[in-house]
C-alpha atoms as a PDB file:
ATOM      1  CA  MET A   1      -0.078  -0.075  -0.226  1.00  0.00           C
ATOM      2  CA  SER A   2       1.803   3.145  -1.178  1.00  0.00           C
ATOM      3  CA  GLU A   3      -0.286   5.478   0.783  1.00  0.00           C
ATOM      4  CA  ALA A   4      -2.664   5.485   3.477  1.00  0.00           C
ATOM      5  CA  ILE A   5      -6.504   4.953   2.520  1.00  0.00           C
ATOM      6  CA  ASP A   6      -9.156   6.289   5.194  1.00  0.00           C
ATOM      7  CA  VAL A   7     -11.867   3.424   5.757  1.00  0.00           C
ATOM      8  CA  ALA A   8     -15.337   3.447   6.412  1.00  0.00           C
ATOM      9  CA  VAL A   9     -16.608   0.362   8.792  1.00  0.00           C
ATOM     10  CA  GLN A  10     -20.376   0.091   9.005  1.00  0.00           C
ATOM     11  CA  ASP A  11     -22.528  -2.350  10.553  1.00  0.00           C
ATOM     12  CA  VAL A  12     -25.054  -3.499   8.137  1.00  0.00           C
ATOM     13  CA  LEU A  13     -27.884  -5.945   7.864  1.00  0.00           C
ATOM     14  CA  ILE A  14     -28.773  -8.511   5.090  1.00  0.00           C
ATOM     15  CA  SER A  15     -31.754 -10.179   4.122  1.00  0.00           C
ATOM     16  CA  THR A  16     -31.301 -13.752   3.029  1.00  0.00           C
ATOM     17  CA  PRO A  17     -34.340 -16.374   2.423  1.00  0.00           C
ATOM     18  CA  ASP A  18     -33.509 -17.691   6.190  1.00  0.00           C
ATOM     19  CA  GLY A  19     -33.622 -14.589   8.185  1.00  0.00           C
ATOM     20  CA  THR A  20     -31.612 -11.116   8.701  1.00  0.00           C
ATOM     21  CA  CYS A  21     -27.833 -11.558   8.643  1.00  0.00           C
ATOM     22  CA  ASN A  22     -25.551  -8.950  10.825  1.00  0.00           C
ATOM     23  CA  ALA A  23     -22.381  -7.793   8.974  1.00  0.00           C
ATOM     24  CA  ALA A  24     -19.579  -5.848   8.686  1.00  0.00           C
ATOM     25  CA  PHE A  25     -18.724  -4.005   5.682  1.00  0.00           C
ATOM     26  CA  MET A  26     -15.615  -2.277   5.313  1.00  0.00           C
ATOM     27  CA  HIS A  27     -14.732  -0.126   2.363  1.00  0.00           C
ATOM     28  CA  PRO A  28     -12.735   3.356   1.486  1.00  0.00           C
ATOM     29  CA  VAL A  29     -14.074   6.525   2.241  1.00  0.00           C
ATOM     30  CA  GLU A  30     -14.243   7.759  -1.425  1.00  0.00           C
ATOM     31  CA  GLY A  31     -14.447   5.866  -4.566  1.00  0.00           C
ATOM     32  CA  THR A  32     -15.716   2.535  -5.896  1.00  0.00           C
ATOM     33  CA  TYR A  33     -13.660  -0.758  -5.533  1.00  0.00           C
ATOM     34  CA  PRO A  34     -13.467  -4.488  -6.149  1.00  0.00           C
ATOM     35  CA  GLY A  35     -15.799  -6.441  -3.461  1.00  0.00           C
ATOM     36  CA  VAL A  36     -14.753  -9.211  -1.452  1.00  0.00           C
ATOM     37  CA  LEU A  37     -16.567 -11.689   0.904  1.00  0.00           C
ATOM     38  CA  PHE A  38     -14.830 -12.600   3.647  1.00  0.00           C
ATOM     39  CA  TRP A  39     -15.780 -16.251   5.274  1.00  0.00           C
ATOM     40  CA  ALA A  40     -14.763 -16.241   8.913  1.00  0.00           C
ATOM     41  CA  ASP A  41     -13.312 -18.872  10.638  1.00  0.00           C
ATOM     42  CA  ALA A  42     -15.587 -20.973  13.210  1.00  0.00           C
ATOM     43  CA  PHE A  43     -15.518 -17.975  15.891  1.00  0.00           C
ATOM     44  CA  GLY A  44     -16.756 -15.664  13.187  1.00  0.00           C
ATOM     45  CA  LEU A  45     -17.666 -12.211  13.078  1.00  0.00           C
ATOM     46  CA  ARG A  46     -15.421 -10.383  15.902  1.00  0.00           C
ATOM     47  CA  PRO A  47     -12.811  -7.644  16.455  1.00  0.00           C
ATOM     48  CA  THR A  48     -10.207  -9.905  14.857  1.00  0.00           C
ATOM     49  CA  THR A  49     -11.794 -10.411  11.604  1.00  0.00           C
ATOM     50  CA  ARG A  50     -13.092  -6.861  11.444  1.00  0.00           C
ATOM     51  CA  HIS A  51      -9.314  -5.707  11.786  1.00  0.00           C
ATOM     52  CA  LEU A  52      -8.476  -8.158   9.193  1.00  0.00           C
ATOM     53  CA  ALA A  53     -11.308  -6.369   6.804  1.00  0.00           C
ATOM     54  CA  ILE A  54     -10.366  -3.150   7.780  1.00  0.00           C
ATOM     55  CA  GLN A  55      -7.021  -3.901   6.678  1.00  0.00           C
ATOM     56  CA  LEU A  56      -8.259  -5.493   3.352  1.00  0.00           C
ATOM     57  CA  ALA A  57     -10.441  -2.503   2.915  1.00  0.00           C
ATOM     58  CA  ALA A  58      -7.517  -0.220   3.396  1.00  0.00           C
ATOM     59  CA  GLU A  59      -5.784  -1.656   0.347  1.00  0.00           C
ATOM     60  CA  GLY A  60      -8.431  -0.692  -2.048  1.00  0.00           C
ATOM     61  CA  TYR A  61     -11.262  -3.298  -1.456  1.00  0.00           C
ATOM     62  CA  ALA A  62     -14.893  -3.311  -0.163  1.00  0.00           C
ATOM     63  CA  VAL A  63     -15.092  -5.941   2.222  1.00  0.00           C
ATOM     64  CA  LEU A  64     -17.983  -7.567   3.868  1.00  0.00           C
ATOM     65  CA  VAL A  65     -17.684 -10.059   6.540  1.00  0.00           C
ATOM     66  CA  PRO A  66     -20.723 -11.859   7.689  1.00  0.00           C
ATOM     67  CA  ASN A  67     -21.874 -13.450  10.780  1.00  0.00           C
ATOM     68  CA  PRO A  68     -21.902 -16.944   9.674  1.00  0.00           C
ATOM     69  CA  PHE A  69     -24.219 -18.137  12.171  1.00  0.00           C
ATOM     70  CA  TYR A  70     -27.286 -15.316  12.215  1.00  0.00           C
ATOM     71  CA  ARG A  71     -29.847 -18.206  12.041  1.00  0.00           C
ATOM     72  CA  VAL A  72     -28.395 -19.422  15.533  1.00  0.00           C
ATOM     73  CA  ASP A  73     -26.791 -16.252  17.771  1.00  0.00           C
ATOM     74  CA  PRO A  74     -25.945 -12.553  16.533  1.00  0.00           C
ATOM     75  CA  GLN A  75     -22.560 -12.756  18.460  1.00  0.00           C
ATOM     76  CA  PRO A  76     -21.508 -15.906  19.296  1.00  0.00           C
ATOM     77  CA  PHE A  77     -17.799 -15.012  20.352  1.00  0.00           C
ATOM     78  CA  THR A  78     -16.040 -11.411  20.812  1.00  0.00           C
ATOM     79  CA  THR A  79     -12.716 -13.363  20.801  1.00  0.00           C
ATOM     80  CA  ALA A  80     -11.076 -16.659  20.186  1.00  0.00           C
ATOM     81  CA  ALA A  81      -8.735 -16.302  23.097  1.00  0.00           C
ATOM     82  CA  ASN A  82     -10.574 -17.424  25.827  1.00  0.00           C
ATOM     83  CA  PHE A  83     -11.960 -20.516  24.129  1.00  0.00           C
ATOM     84  CA  SER A  84     -10.947 -24.071  25.100  1.00  0.00           C
ATOM     85  CA  PHE A  85     -10.598 -26.968  22.644  1.00  0.00           C
ATOM     86  CA  GLY A  86     -10.666 -29.079  25.786  1.00  0.00           C
ATOM     87  CA  ASN A  87     -13.682 -28.027  27.366  1.00  0.00           C
ATOM     88  CA  PRO A  88     -16.793 -29.886  26.431  1.00  0.00           C
ATOM     89  CA  ASP A  89     -19.339 -27.077  26.555  1.00  0.00           C
ATOM     90  CA  ASP A  90     -16.966 -24.855  24.786  1.00  0.00           C
ATOM     91  CA  MET A  91     -16.887 -27.514  21.860  1.00  0.00           C
ATOM     92  CA  ALA A  92     -20.631 -28.383  22.233  1.00  0.00           C
ATOM     93  CA  LYS A  93     -21.552 -24.542  21.350  1.00  0.00           C
ATOM     94  CA  LEU A  94     -18.817 -24.460  18.638  1.00  0.00           C
ATOM     95  CA  TRP A  95     -20.382 -27.645  17.076  1.00  0.00           C
ATOM     96  CA  LYS A  96     -23.676 -26.066  17.103  1.00  0.00           C
ATOM     97  CA  LEU A  97     -22.656 -23.134  15.441  1.00  0.00           C
ATOM     98  CA  ILE A  98     -21.117 -25.066  12.610  1.00  0.00           C
ATOM     99  CA  GLY A  99     -23.868 -27.368  12.303  1.00  0.00           C
ATOM    100  CA  SER A 100     -26.167 -24.513  11.517  1.00  0.00           C
ATOM    101  CA  LEU A 101     -24.365 -24.367   8.144  1.00  0.00           C
ATOM    102  CA  LYS A 102     -24.157 -27.919   7.577  1.00  0.00           C
ATOM    103  CA  ALA A 103     -28.078 -28.221   5.848  1.00  0.00           C
ATOM    104  CA  PRO A 104     -27.983 -28.794   1.818  1.00  0.00           C
ATOM    105  CA  GLY A 105     -28.038 -25.494   0.158  1.00  0.00           C
ATOM    106  CA  VAL A 106     -27.634 -23.297   3.253  1.00  0.00           C
ATOM    107  CA  ALA A 107     -24.066 -21.809   2.193  1.00  0.00           C
ATOM    108  CA  GLU A 108     -25.181 -21.413  -1.464  1.00  0.00           C
ATOM    109  CA  ILE A 109     -28.231 -19.162  -0.238  1.00  0.00           C
ATOM    110  CA  ASP A 110     -26.297 -17.230   1.680  1.00  0.00           C
ATOM    111  CA  ALA A 111     -22.904 -17.001  -0.848  1.00  0.00           C
ATOM    112  CA  ALA A 112     -25.817 -15.733  -3.362  1.00  0.00           C
ATOM    113  CA  ALA A 113     -27.339 -13.166  -0.649  1.00  0.00           C
ATOM    114  CA  TYR A 114     -24.122 -11.578   0.497  1.00  0.00           C
ATOM    115  CA  ILE A 115     -22.577 -11.271  -3.113  1.00  0.00           C
ATOM    116  CA  SER A 116     -26.017  -9.431  -3.960  1.00  0.00           C
ATOM    117  CA  PHE A 117     -25.501  -7.115  -1.092  1.00  0.00           C
ATOM    118  CA  LEU A 118     -22.049  -6.242  -2.260  1.00  0.00           C
ATOM    119  CA  ASP A 119     -23.415  -5.580  -5.846  1.00  0.00           C
ATOM    120  CA  ALA A 120     -25.903  -3.369  -4.657  1.00  0.00           C
ATOM    121  CA  ARG A 121     -23.536  -1.148  -2.838  1.00  0.00           C
ATOM    122  CA  PRO A 122     -22.637   1.832  -4.419  1.00  0.00           C
ATOM    123  CA  GLU A 123     -19.104   1.498  -3.054  1.00  0.00           C
ATOM    124  CA  VAL A 124     -18.484  -1.581  -5.249  1.00  0.00           C
ATOM    125  CA  ASP A 125     -17.272  -1.696  -8.476  1.00  0.00           C
ATOM    126  CA  LYS A 126     -19.214  -4.051 -10.471  1.00  0.00           C
ATOM    127  CA  SER A 127     -16.853  -4.088 -13.646  1.00  0.00           C
ATOM    128  CA  HIS A 128     -14.544  -6.019 -11.283  1.00  0.00           C
ATOM    129  CA  LYS A 129     -15.080  -9.800 -10.505  1.00  0.00           C
ATOM    130  CA  ILE A 130     -15.352 -10.204  -6.781  1.00  0.00           C
ATOM    131  CA  GLY A 131     -13.151 -12.321  -4.269  1.00  0.00           C
ATOM    132  CA  THR A 132     -13.718 -14.559  -1.764  1.00  0.00           C
ATOM    133  CA  GLN A 133     -11.587 -15.579   1.115  1.00  0.00           C
ATOM    134  CA  GLY A 134     -12.129 -18.166   4.096  1.00  0.00           C
ATOM    135  CA  TYR A 135     -10.625 -19.065   7.159  1.00  0.00           C
ATOM    136  CA  CYS A 136     -11.027 -22.668   8.792  1.00  0.00           C
ATOM    137  CA  MET A 137     -14.597 -23.606   8.029  1.00  0.00           C
ATOM    138  CA  GLY A 138     -14.819 -20.509   5.828  1.00  0.00           C
ATOM    139  CA  GLY A 139     -12.235 -22.320   3.248  1.00  0.00           C
ATOM    140  CA  PRO A 140     -15.052 -24.562   2.012  1.00  0.00           C
ATOM    141  CA  LEU A 141     -17.580 -21.677   1.952  1.00  0.00           C
ATOM    142  CA  ALA A 142     -15.083 -19.794  -0.019  1.00  0.00           C
ATOM    143  CA  ILE A 143     -15.208 -22.735  -2.870  1.00  0.00           C
ATOM    144  CA  ILE A 144     -18.638 -22.912  -2.551  1.00  0.00           C
ATOM    145  CA  THR A 145     -19.567 -19.280  -3.458  1.00  0.00           C
ATOM    146  CA  ALA A 146     -17.195 -19.239  -6.340  1.00  0.00           C
ATOM    147  CA  ALA A 147     -18.978 -22.357  -7.707  1.00  0.00           C
ATOM    148  CA  THR A 148     -22.403 -20.733  -6.934  1.00  0.00           C
ATOM    149  CA  MET A 149     -21.567 -17.762  -8.372  1.00  0.00           C
ATOM    150  CA  PRO A 150     -18.983 -18.640 -11.080  1.00  0.00           C
ATOM    151  CA  ASP A 151     -19.771 -15.422 -13.408  1.00  0.00           C
ATOM    152  CA  ARG A 152     -18.957 -12.972 -10.521  1.00  0.00           C
ATOM    153  CA  VAL A 153     -16.275 -14.453  -8.260  1.00  0.00           C
ATOM    154  CA  GLY A 154     -12.974 -14.253  -9.900  1.00  0.00           C
ATOM    155  CA  ALA A 155     -10.613 -15.165  -7.001  1.00  0.00           C
ATOM    156  CA  VAL A 156     -10.928 -17.573  -3.991  1.00  0.00           C
ATOM    157  CA  ALA A 157      -8.768 -18.103  -1.365  1.00  0.00           C
ATOM    158  CA  SER A 158      -8.745 -20.468   1.514  1.00  0.00           C
ATOM    159  CA  PHE A 159      -6.495 -20.474   4.714  1.00  0.00           C
ATOM    160  CA  HIS A 160      -6.286 -23.569   6.928  1.00  0.00           C
ATOM    161  CA  GLY A 161      -9.493 -24.211   5.587  1.00  0.00           C
ATOM    162  CA  GLY A 162     -11.022 -27.607   6.750  1.00  0.00           C
ATOM    163  CA  GLY A 163     -12.905 -30.429   4.646  1.00  0.00           C
ATOM    164  CA  LEU A 164     -11.433 -29.101   1.393  1.00  0.00           C
ATOM    165  CA  ALA A 165     -11.428 -32.514  -0.032  1.00  0.00           C
ATOM    166  CA  THR A 166     -13.086 -35.430   1.489  1.00  0.00           C
ATOM    167  CA  ASP A 167     -14.884 -38.583   0.168  1.00  0.00           C
ATOM    168  CA  LYS A 168     -18.269 -37.302   1.098  1.00  0.00           C
ATOM    169  CA  PRO A 169     -20.513 -36.499  -2.255  1.00  0.00           C
ATOM    170  CA  ASP A 170     -20.906 -32.938  -1.315  1.00  0.00           C
ATOM    171  CA  SER A 171     -16.766 -32.653  -1.088  1.00  0.00           C
ATOM    172  CA  PRO A 172     -16.032 -29.104  -1.891  1.00  0.00           C
ATOM    173  CA  HIS A 173     -12.951 -30.107  -4.440  1.00  0.00           C
ATOM    174  CA  LEU A 174     -15.810 -31.622  -6.356  1.00  0.00           C
ATOM    175  CA  LEU A 175     -16.969 -28.088  -7.276  1.00  0.00           C
ATOM    176  CA  ALA A 176     -14.273 -27.219  -9.406  1.00  0.00           C
ATOM    177  CA  PRO A 177     -15.898 -27.850 -12.349  1.00  0.00           C
ATOM    178  CA  LYS A 178     -18.162 -25.281 -11.765  1.00  0.00           C
ATOM    179  CA  VAL A 179     -15.345 -22.535 -10.732  1.00  0.00           C
ATOM    180  CA  LYS A 180     -14.076 -19.985 -13.150  1.00  0.00           C
ATOM    181  CA  ALA A 181     -12.027 -18.264 -10.826  1.00  0.00           C
ATOM    182  CA  THR A 182      -8.315 -18.004  -9.627  1.00  0.00           C
ATOM    183  CA  VAL A 183      -7.726 -20.311  -6.586  1.00  0.00           C
ATOM    184  CA  TYR A 184      -5.102 -19.941  -3.855  1.00  0.00           C
ATOM    185  CA  ILE A 185      -5.046 -22.515  -0.934  1.00  0.00           C
ATOM    186  CA  ALA A 186      -2.928 -22.315   2.098  1.00  0.00           C
ATOM    187  CA  ILE A 187      -2.652 -25.569   4.063  1.00  0.00           C
ATOM    188  CA  ALA A 188      -1.612 -25.765   7.745  1.00  0.00           C
ATOM    189  CA  ALA A 189       1.029 -28.432   8.586  1.00  0.00           C
ATOM    190  CA  ASN A 190      -0.689 -30.190  10.961  1.00  0.00           C
ATOM    191  CA  ASP A 191      -3.622 -30.540   8.793  1.00  0.00           C
ATOM    192  CA  ASP A 192      -1.644 -31.923   6.042  1.00  0.00           C
ATOM    193  CA  ALA A 193      -0.066 -34.264   8.521  1.00  0.00           C
ATOM    194  CA  LYS A 194      -3.693 -35.670   9.097  1.00  0.00           C
ATOM    195  CA  GLU A 195      -4.775 -35.758   5.499  1.00  0.00           C
ATOM    196  CA  PRO A 196      -1.269 -35.912   3.390  1.00  0.00           C
ATOM    197  CA  ALA A 197      -3.649 -36.813   0.638  1.00  0.00           C
ATOM    198  CA  ALA A 198      -5.910 -34.002   0.184  1.00  0.00           C
ATOM    199  CA  LYS A 199      -3.478 -31.922  -1.051  1.00  0.00           C
ATOM    200  CA  ASP A 200      -3.059 -33.941  -4.118  1.00  0.00           C
ATOM    201  CA  THR A 201      -6.633 -34.310  -4.514  1.00  0.00           C
ATOM    202  CA  LEU A 202      -7.485 -30.446  -4.579  1.00  0.00           C
ATOM    203  CA  LYS A 203      -4.509 -30.027  -7.338  1.00  0.00           C
ATOM    204  CA  ASP A 204      -5.885 -33.241  -9.492  1.00  0.00           C
ATOM    205  CA  ALA A 205      -9.582 -31.495  -9.332  1.00  0.00           C
ATOM    206  CA  PHE A 206      -8.718 -28.339 -10.021  1.00  0.00           C
ATOM    207  CA  SER A 207      -6.244 -29.291 -12.718  1.00  0.00           C
ATOM    208  CA  ALA A 208      -9.004 -31.679 -14.421  1.00  0.00           C
ATOM    209  CA  ALA A 209     -11.081 -28.590 -14.425  1.00  0.00           C
ATOM    210  CA  HIS A 210      -8.627 -26.167 -15.996  1.00  0.00           C
ATOM    211  CA  VAL A 211      -8.679 -23.962 -12.829  1.00  0.00           C
ATOM    212  CA  PRO A 212      -5.464 -22.098 -12.171  1.00  0.00           C
ATOM    213  CA  ALA A 213      -5.001 -22.835  -8.795  1.00  0.00           C
ATOM    214  CA  GLU A 214      -2.200 -22.751  -6.401  1.00  0.00           C
ATOM    215  CA  ILE A 215      -1.834 -25.431  -3.330  1.00  0.00           C
ATOM    216  CA  GLU A 216       0.852 -25.130  -0.798  1.00  0.00           C
ATOM    217  CA  VAL A 217       1.276 -26.050   2.607  1.00  0.00           C
ATOM    218  CA  TYR A 218       2.906 -24.054   5.321  1.00  0.00           C
ATOM    219  CA  PRO A 219       5.814 -25.856   7.062  1.00  0.00           C
ATOM    220  CA  GLY A 220       5.089 -25.963  10.853  1.00  0.00           C
ATOM    221  CA  ALA A 221       1.989 -23.405  10.662  1.00  0.00           C
ATOM    222  CA  LEU A 222      -0.861 -24.830  12.640  1.00  0.00           C
ATOM    223  CA  HIS A 223      -4.588 -24.652  11.892  1.00  0.00           C
ATOM    224  CA  GLY A 224      -5.663 -21.203  12.634  1.00  0.00           C
ATOM    225  CA  TRP A 225      -2.068 -19.467  12.158  1.00  0.00           C
ATOM    226  CA  CYS A 226      -3.798 -16.306  10.544  1.00  0.00           C
ATOM    227  CA  MET A 227      -5.991 -15.588  13.583  1.00  0.00           C
ATOM    228  CA  ALA A 228      -4.152 -13.373  16.121  1.00  0.00           C
ATOM    229  CA  ASP A 229      -6.768 -14.217  18.910  1.00  0.00           C
ATOM    230  CA  MET A 230      -6.637 -18.182  18.494  1.00  0.00           C
ATOM    231  CA  PRO A 231      -5.964 -19.798  21.963  1.00  0.00           C
ATOM    232  CA  ALA A 232      -3.120 -21.709  22.730  1.00  0.00           C
ATOM    233  CA  GLU A 233      -3.209 -25.418  22.053  1.00  0.00           C
ATOM    234  CA  GLN A 234      -1.869 -27.628  24.192  1.00  0.00           C
ATOM    235  CA  GLY A 235       0.467 -24.806  25.494  1.00  0.00           C
ATOM    236  CA  GLN A 236       1.474 -24.358  21.914  1.00  0.00           C
ATOM    237  CA  PRO A 237       0.803 -20.742  20.349  1.00  0.00           C
ATOM    238  CA  ILE A 238      -1.344 -20.976  17.063  1.00  0.00           C
ATOM    239  CA  TYR A 239      -0.970 -17.783  15.981  1.00  0.00           C
ATOM    240  CA  ASN A 240       2.128 -17.524  13.739  1.00  0.00           C
ATOM    241  CA  GLN A 241       2.758 -13.890  12.778  1.00  0.00           C
ATOM    242  CA  PRO A 242       5.498 -14.463   9.990  1.00  0.00           C
ATOM    243  CA  ASP A 243       3.301 -16.909   8.243  1.00  0.00           C
ATOM    244  CA  ALA A 244       0.245 -14.916   8.607  1.00  0.00           C
ATOM    245  CA  GLU A 245       1.885 -11.947   6.898  1.00  0.00           C
ATOM    246  CA  ARG A 246       3.415 -14.325   4.092  1.00  0.00           C
ATOM    247  CA  ALA A 247      -0.458 -15.504   4.051  1.00  0.00           C
ATOM    248  CA  TRP A 248      -1.662 -11.887   3.698  1.00  0.00           C
ATOM    249  CA  ALA A 249       1.130 -10.983   0.721  1.00  0.00           C
ATOM    250  CA  LYS A 250      -0.586 -13.964  -1.156  1.00  0.00           C
ATOM    251  CA  LEU A 251      -4.313 -12.834  -0.848  1.00  0.00           C
ATOM    252  CA  LEU A 252      -2.901  -9.442  -1.915  1.00  0.00           C
ATOM    253  CA  ALA A 253      -1.153 -10.646  -4.777  1.00  0.00           C
ATOM    254  CA  LEU A 254      -4.246 -13.286  -5.629  1.00  0.00           C
ATOM    255  CA  TYR A 255      -6.551 -10.283  -5.801  1.00  0.00           C
ATOM    256  CA  ARG A 256      -4.628  -7.799  -7.554  1.00  0.00           C
ATOM    257  CA  ALA A 257      -4.139 -10.272 -10.540  1.00  0.00           C
ATOM    258  CA  ALA A 258      -7.364 -12.040 -10.619  1.00  0.00           C
ATOM    259  CA  LEU A 259      -9.784  -8.877  -9.967  1.00  0.00           C
END
């Protein structure tokens, strides 16, 4: 970013077929810019994701961060830092939230509503394609978005996305033939260790569909490494600033090239 850009931050409401989604919309104060749909991780819309969206808006984008759990709770978390993966009550809450997105067609309904919102905003330059990025559970949602709105989405990025290539009939990698975007997928080292074949499955799927895609594993990075408020797991920090900055640079390069 060569010079500072003033950013406006708005809390907005978006009508969907299933209700009203609360969201944050960040954009430069003046001008029109490519739209970006930011899919949060499992801790949702909170100060950490707002901060990242503001940073992205300052690079010259109009960024929407919806609360993915609006069907269940308008503000399930204010931070991930106090969450304990070893606490059964915390995990039960988390799985309930994630479960609200699992019904067939839900992600597609939301993706269409959010992109329609962006396209209706005067701050969004509709002559440009839209970008979408997702973290953790947001990674699959970003790919679903690109497949649902292929003529609008020009770039899709997934950071430590979960369940991108499974043996289930609704696995996101099977959507590759519907995608017309440029794809970047960054995989945590511990996710790769658990599912070492996933990266190759993804590469093969996008290659067969003639979709330009870069899939890479971040050595030493843990699932969730991009989010500054992630709690430590077994005493080990999850957030990794150097790798988060590397991922950010890859995202900006993707958007500059594809949007």
